[in-house]
C-alpha cells in the first residue's frame, strides 16, 4: 500500500512539474491585476507552491496548486480550496471562479 501511494504521489508531482515547465504558456511566475477594484498579485513557483497578495502585500496567503487541463486548483494554507478555469494568452492569465473572470498580467 505504501509503495503504491508513493508511486501515485511521484506521478502527480511529475505531472505538476511538467505542467509548470510548459514553456511560454506556463503559469509559473508572478501575475498582477485587480479584482473588484482591489490590487491582486499571484505568484506561482515551479514546485507547485505560490503566494497571493492583495493591497500591495498588506495581506497575503500561501497556497499549493495543481493544474489538470484547463483547471487550476488552489489549496490555501487555511484549508480553503478554489477551483478555477484558467487560460493563458501571451502575458495574460484569465481565471474564472463562480462566474467571475479575473484577468492578470504577467510581471516582467
N, C-alpha and C. Protein backbone atom coordinates (compact mmCIF):
# COMPACT_ATOMS: atom_id res chain seq x y z
N UNK A 1 0.82 -1.20 0.00
CA UNK A 1 0.00 0.00 0.00
C UNK A 1 0.87 1.26 0.00
N UNK A 2 1.91 1.29 0.86
CA UNK A 2 2.78 2.46 0.92
C UNK A 2 3.49 2.68 -0.41
N UNK A 3 3.93 1.58 -1.03
CA UNK A 3 4.64 1.69 -2.30
C UNK A 3 3.73 2.26 -3.38
N UNK A 4 2.48 1.79 -3.41
CA UNK A 4 1.51 2.29 -4.39
C UNK A 4 1.25 3.78 -4.18
N UNK A 5 1.08 4.17 -2.92
CA UNK A 5 0.85 5.58 -2.61
C UNK A 5 2.04 6.43 -3.04
N UNK A 6 3.26 5.95 -2.78
CA UNK A 6 4.47 6.69 -3.18
C UNK A 6 4.55 6.84 -4.69
N UNK A 7 4.19 5.80 -5.42
CA UNK A 7 4.21 5.86 -6.88
C UNK A 7 3.19 6.87 -7.38
N UNK A 8 1.99 6.85 -6.81
CA UNK A 8 0.93 7.79 -7.22
C UNK A 8 1.37 9.22 -6.94
N UNK A 9 1.94 9.46 -5.76
CA UNK A 9 2.40 10.81 -5.43
C UNK A 9 3.53 11.26 -6.35
N UNK A 10 4.45 10.35 -6.69
CA UNK A 10 5.54 10.69 -7.60
C UNK A 10 5.02 11.05 -8.98
N UNK A 11 4.04 10.30 -9.47
CA UNK A 11 3.45 10.59 -10.78
C UNK A 11 2.74 11.94 -10.75
N UNK A 12 2.01 12.23 -9.66
CA UNK A 12 1.32 13.52 -9.56
C UNK A 12 2.32 14.67 -9.52
N UNK A 13 3.42 14.49 -8.77
CA UNK A 13 4.44 15.53 -8.71
C UNK A 13 5.08 15.76 -10.08
N UNK A 14 5.34 14.68 -10.80
CA UNK A 14 5.90 14.79 -12.14
C UNK A 14 4.94 15.53 -13.06
N UNK A 15 3.66 15.21 -12.97
CA UNK A 15 2.66 15.87 -13.82
C UNK A 15 2.61 17.37 -13.54
N UNK A 16 2.65 17.76 -12.26
CA UNK A 16 2.64 19.18 -11.91
C UNK A 16 3.91 19.85 -12.43
N UNK A 17 5.05 19.18 -12.29
CA UNK A 17 6.31 19.75 -12.77
C UNK A 17 6.29 19.95 -14.28
N UNK A 18 5.76 18.98 -15.01
CA UNK A 18 5.70 19.11 -16.46
C UNK A 18 4.77 20.24 -16.87
N UNK A 19 3.65 20.39 -16.18
CA UNK A 19 2.74 21.49 -16.49
C UNK A 19 3.40 22.83 -16.21
N UNK A 20 4.16 22.89 -15.13
CA UNK A 20 4.81 24.15 -14.75
C UNK A 20 5.91 24.54 -15.72
N UNK A 21 6.43 23.57 -16.47
CA UNK A 21 7.53 23.84 -17.40
C UNK A 21 7.04 23.85 -18.84
N UNK A 22 5.83 24.22 -19.05
CA UNK A 22 5.22 24.09 -20.36
C UNK A 22 5.67 25.14 -21.36
N UNK A 23 6.60 26.01 -21.01
CA UNK A 23 7.09 26.99 -21.97
C UNK A 23 6.46 28.34 -21.78
N UNK A 24 6.24 29.07 -22.87
CA UNK A 24 5.76 30.44 -22.79
C UNK A 24 4.35 30.54 -22.22
N UNK A 25 3.57 29.48 -22.27
CA UNK A 25 2.23 29.49 -21.69
C UNK A 25 2.23 28.96 -20.26
N UNK A 26 3.38 28.93 -19.63
CA UNK A 26 3.49 28.44 -18.26
C UNK A 26 2.90 29.43 -17.28
N UNK A 27 2.24 28.90 -16.26
CA UNK A 27 1.67 29.74 -15.22
C UNK A 27 2.74 30.21 -14.23
N UNK A 28 3.91 29.58 -14.27
CA UNK A 28 4.99 29.91 -13.34
C UNK A 28 5.41 31.36 -13.52
N UNK A 29 5.50 32.07 -12.40
CA UNK A 29 5.87 33.47 -12.41
C UNK A 29 4.90 34.28 -11.58
N UNK A 30 5.00 35.57 -11.69
CA UNK A 30 4.16 36.49 -10.94
C UNK A 30 3.19 37.20 -11.88
N UNK A 31 1.93 37.28 -11.46
CA UNK A 31 0.87 37.88 -12.27
C UNK A 31 0.14 38.91 -11.42
N UNK A 32 -0.17 40.07 -11.99
CA UNK A 32 -0.82 41.15 -11.24
C UNK A 32 -2.02 41.70 -11.99
N UNK A 33 -2.96 42.24 -11.23
CA UNK A 33 -4.14 42.87 -11.80
C UNK A 33 -5.05 43.34 -10.68
N UNK A 34 -6.32 43.52 -11.00
CA UNK A 34 -7.30 43.92 -9.99
C UNK A 34 -8.50 42.99 -10.04
N UNK A 35 -9.10 42.81 -8.89
CA UNK A 35 -10.34 42.06 -8.76
C UNK A 35 -11.28 42.88 -7.90
N UNK A 36 -12.38 43.30 -8.46
CA UNK A 36 -13.35 44.14 -7.78
C UNK A 36 -12.70 45.39 -7.19
N UNK A 37 -11.78 45.98 -7.96
CA UNK A 37 -11.12 47.21 -7.56
C UNK A 37 -9.97 47.04 -6.58
N UNK A 38 -9.61 45.80 -6.26
CA UNK A 38 -8.54 45.53 -5.31
C UNK A 38 -7.33 44.97 -6.06
N UNK A 39 -6.13 45.53 -5.80
CA UNK A 39 -4.91 45.05 -6.43
C UNK A 39 -4.59 43.65 -5.93
N UNK A 40 -4.33 42.74 -6.90
CA UNK A 40 -4.05 41.34 -6.59
C UNK A 40 -2.78 40.92 -7.32
N UNK A 41 -1.91 40.19 -6.63
CA UNK A 41 -0.75 39.56 -7.25
C UNK A 41 -0.74 38.09 -6.86
N UNK A 42 -0.60 37.23 -7.87
CA UNK A 42 -0.48 35.80 -7.62
C UNK A 42 0.85 35.35 -8.19
N UNK A 43 1.65 34.69 -7.36
CA UNK A 43 2.95 34.18 -7.78
C UNK A 43 2.93 32.66 -7.70
N UNK A 44 3.33 32.01 -8.80
CA UNK A 44 3.33 30.56 -8.90
C UNK A 44 4.76 30.07 -9.08
N UNK A 45 5.22 29.17 -8.21
CA UNK A 45 6.55 28.58 -8.31
C UNK A 45 6.48 27.25 -9.04
N UNK A 46 7.61 26.81 -9.58
CA UNK A 46 7.68 25.55 -10.31
C UNK A 46 7.32 24.35 -9.45
N UNK A 47 7.54 24.45 -8.15
CA UNK A 47 7.32 23.32 -7.26
C UNK A 47 5.88 23.14 -6.81
N UNK A 48 4.95 23.91 -7.39
CA UNK A 48 3.53 23.76 -7.05
C UNK A 48 3.10 24.56 -5.84
N UNK A 49 3.92 25.53 -5.43
CA UNK A 49 3.54 26.42 -4.34
C UNK A 49 3.36 27.83 -4.89
N UNK A 50 2.72 28.67 -4.09
CA UNK A 50 2.52 30.03 -4.53
C UNK A 50 2.10 30.94 -3.39
N UNK A 51 1.96 32.22 -3.72
CA UNK A 51 1.53 33.24 -2.77
C UNK A 51 0.58 34.18 -3.49
N UNK A 52 -0.54 34.49 -2.84
CA UNK A 52 -1.45 35.51 -3.35
C UNK A 52 -1.37 36.70 -2.39
N UNK A 53 -1.13 37.89 -2.94
CA UNK A 53 -1.07 39.11 -2.14
C UNK A 53 -2.12 40.08 -2.63
N UNK A 54 -2.69 40.82 -1.70
CA UNK A 54 -3.66 41.86 -2.06
C UNK A 54 -3.22 43.17 -1.41
N UNK A 55 -3.69 44.25 -1.97
CA UNK A 55 -3.42 45.59 -1.45
C UNK A 55 -1.93 45.85 -1.28
N UNK A 56 -1.16 45.51 -2.32
CA UNK A 56 0.26 45.78 -2.31
C UNK A 56 1.03 44.99 -1.27
N UNK A 57 0.51 43.84 -0.89
CA UNK A 57 1.20 42.99 0.08
C UNK A 57 0.74 43.16 1.52
N UNK A 58 -0.27 44.01 1.75
CA UNK A 58 -0.77 44.18 3.12
C UNK A 58 -1.36 42.89 3.67
N UNK A 59 -1.88 42.06 2.79
CA UNK A 59 -2.40 40.75 3.18
C UNK A 59 -1.93 39.74 2.14
N UNK A 60 -1.52 38.57 2.62
CA UNK A 60 -1.09 37.54 1.68
C UNK A 60 -1.43 36.17 2.23
N UNK A 61 -1.50 35.21 1.33
CA UNK A 61 -1.84 33.83 1.67
C UNK A 61 -0.98 32.91 0.83
N UNK A 62 -0.31 31.96 1.47
CA UNK A 62 0.43 30.95 0.74
C UNK A 62 -0.53 29.86 0.31
N UNK A 63 -0.17 29.18 -0.79
CA UNK A 63 -1.02 28.11 -1.29
C UNK A 63 -0.19 27.09 -2.04
N UNK A 64 -0.81 25.95 -2.29
CA UNK A 64 -0.26 24.98 -3.23
C UNK A 64 -1.25 24.93 -4.39
N UNK A 65 -0.76 24.49 -5.55
CA UNK A 65 -1.65 24.43 -6.70
C UNK A 65 -1.34 23.21 -7.55
N UNK A 66 -2.38 22.79 -8.28
CA UNK A 66 -2.23 21.75 -9.28
C UNK A 66 -2.97 22.20 -10.53
N UNK A 67 -2.51 21.69 -11.65
CA UNK A 67 -3.14 22.00 -12.93
C UNK A 67 -3.49 20.70 -13.62
N UNK A 68 -4.72 20.64 -14.10
CA UNK A 68 -5.17 19.49 -14.88
C UNK A 68 -5.99 20.05 -16.05
N UNK A 69 -5.43 19.93 -17.25
CA UNK A 69 -6.10 20.51 -18.42
C UNK A 69 -6.19 22.00 -18.25
N UNK A 70 -7.40 22.55 -18.30
CA UNK A 70 -7.62 23.99 -18.14
C UNK A 70 -8.17 24.32 -16.76
N UNK A 71 -7.94 23.41 -15.80
CA UNK A 71 -8.41 23.62 -14.44
C UNK A 71 -7.23 23.84 -13.50
N UNK A 72 -7.30 24.93 -12.74
CA UNK A 72 -6.30 25.28 -11.75
C UNK A 72 -6.94 25.11 -10.38
N UNK A 73 -6.39 24.24 -9.55
CA UNK A 73 -6.89 24.05 -8.20
C UNK A 73 -5.91 24.67 -7.23
N UNK A 74 -6.41 25.59 -6.40
CA UNK A 74 -5.59 26.31 -5.43
C UNK A 74 -6.03 25.89 -4.04
N UNK A 75 -5.07 25.37 -3.26
CA UNK A 75 -5.32 24.94 -1.88
C UNK A 75 -4.60 25.90 -0.94
N UNK A 76 -5.37 26.75 -0.26
CA UNK A 76 -4.79 27.74 0.65
C UNK A 76 -4.35 27.06 1.95
N UNK A 77 -3.40 27.68 2.64
CA UNK A 77 -2.92 27.12 3.90
C UNK A 77 -3.99 27.10 4.98
N UNK A 78 -5.03 27.93 4.82
CA UNK A 78 -6.11 27.93 5.82
C UNK A 78 -7.13 26.82 5.56
N UNK A 79 -6.88 25.98 4.54
CA UNK A 79 -7.76 24.85 4.26
C UNK A 79 -8.76 25.09 3.15
N UNK A 80 -8.92 26.33 2.70
CA UNK A 80 -9.84 26.62 1.60
C UNK A 80 -9.28 26.12 0.29
N UNK A 81 -10.16 25.59 -0.56
CA UNK A 81 -9.78 25.16 -1.90
C UNK A 81 -10.66 25.89 -2.90
N UNK A 82 -10.04 26.46 -3.92
CA UNK A 82 -10.77 27.11 -5.01
C UNK A 82 -10.34 26.48 -6.31
N UNK A 83 -11.32 26.21 -7.17
CA UNK A 83 -11.05 25.60 -8.47
C UNK A 83 -11.41 26.62 -9.54
N UNK A 84 -10.43 26.97 -10.36
CA UNK A 84 -10.58 27.96 -11.41
C UNK A 84 -10.50 27.29 -12.78
N UNK A 85 -11.25 27.81 -13.74
CA UNK A 85 -10.96 27.55 -15.14
C UNK A 85 -9.93 28.62 -15.48
N UNK A 86 -8.87 28.24 -16.17
CA UNK A 86 -7.86 29.24 -16.48
C UNK A 86 -7.42 29.12 -17.93
N UNK A 87 -6.92 30.25 -18.43
CA UNK A 87 -6.37 30.30 -19.78
C UNK A 87 -5.25 31.33 -19.79
N UNK A 88 -4.21 31.01 -20.54
CA UNK A 88 -3.09 31.94 -20.72
C UNK A 88 -3.02 32.30 -22.18
N UNK A 89 -2.99 33.60 -22.46
CA UNK A 89 -2.85 34.10 -23.82
C UNK A 89 -1.73 35.14 -23.79
N UNK A 90 -0.53 34.70 -24.16
CA UNK A 90 0.63 35.59 -24.11
C UNK A 90 0.95 35.96 -22.68
N UNK A 91 0.86 37.24 -22.34
CA UNK A 91 1.15 37.72 -20.99
C UNK A 91 -0.12 37.92 -20.17
N UNK A 92 -1.22 37.32 -20.60
CA UNK A 92 -2.50 37.49 -19.92
C UNK A 92 -3.00 36.17 -19.35
N UNK A 93 -3.33 36.16 -18.06
CA UNK A 93 -3.87 34.99 -17.37
C UNK A 93 -5.31 35.30 -16.98
N UNK A 94 -6.24 34.50 -17.47
CA UNK A 94 -7.66 34.66 -17.12
C UNK A 94 -8.05 33.54 -16.18
N UNK A 95 -8.61 33.91 -15.03
CA UNK A 95 -9.09 32.96 -14.05
C UNK A 95 -10.59 33.15 -13.89
N UNK A 96 -11.35 32.08 -14.04
CA UNK A 96 -12.80 32.15 -13.87
C UNK A 96 -13.18 31.34 -12.65
N UNK A 97 -13.86 32.00 -11.71
CA UNK A 97 -14.29 31.36 -10.47
C UNK A 97 -15.70 31.81 -10.16
N UNK A 98 -16.61 30.86 -10.08
CA UNK A 98 -18.02 31.13 -9.78
C UNK A 98 -18.58 32.24 -10.69
N UNK A 99 -18.25 32.17 -11.97
CA UNK A 99 -18.79 33.09 -12.96
C UNK A 99 -18.04 34.41 -13.08
N UNK A 100 -17.14 34.70 -12.17
CA UNK A 100 -16.37 35.95 -12.22
C UNK A 100 -15.04 35.68 -12.92
N UNK A 101 -14.68 36.55 -13.85
CA UNK A 101 -13.41 36.43 -14.56
C UNK A 101 -12.44 37.46 -14.02
N UNK A 102 -11.27 36.99 -13.63
CA UNK A 102 -10.19 37.88 -13.18
C UNK A 102 -9.08 37.76 -14.22
N UNK A 103 -8.63 38.89 -14.74
CA UNK A 103 -7.55 38.89 -15.73
C UNK A 103 -6.32 39.52 -15.11
N UNK A 104 -5.23 38.76 -15.11
CA UNK A 104 -3.97 39.23 -14.56
C UNK A 104 -2.93 39.31 -15.68
N UNK A 105 -1.94 40.17 -15.53
CA UNK A 105 -0.88 40.34 -16.50
C UNK A 105 0.43 39.87 -15.90
N UNK A 106 1.22 39.14 -16.69
CA UNK A 106 2.49 38.60 -16.21
C UNK A 106 3.45 39.74 -15.90
N UNK A 107 4.03 39.70 -14.71
CA UNK A 107 5.04 40.69 -14.31
C UNK A 107 6.35 40.35 -14.99
N UNK A 108 7.07 41.37 -15.41
CA UNK A 108 8.35 41.16 -16.08
C UNK A 108 9.49 41.65 -15.27
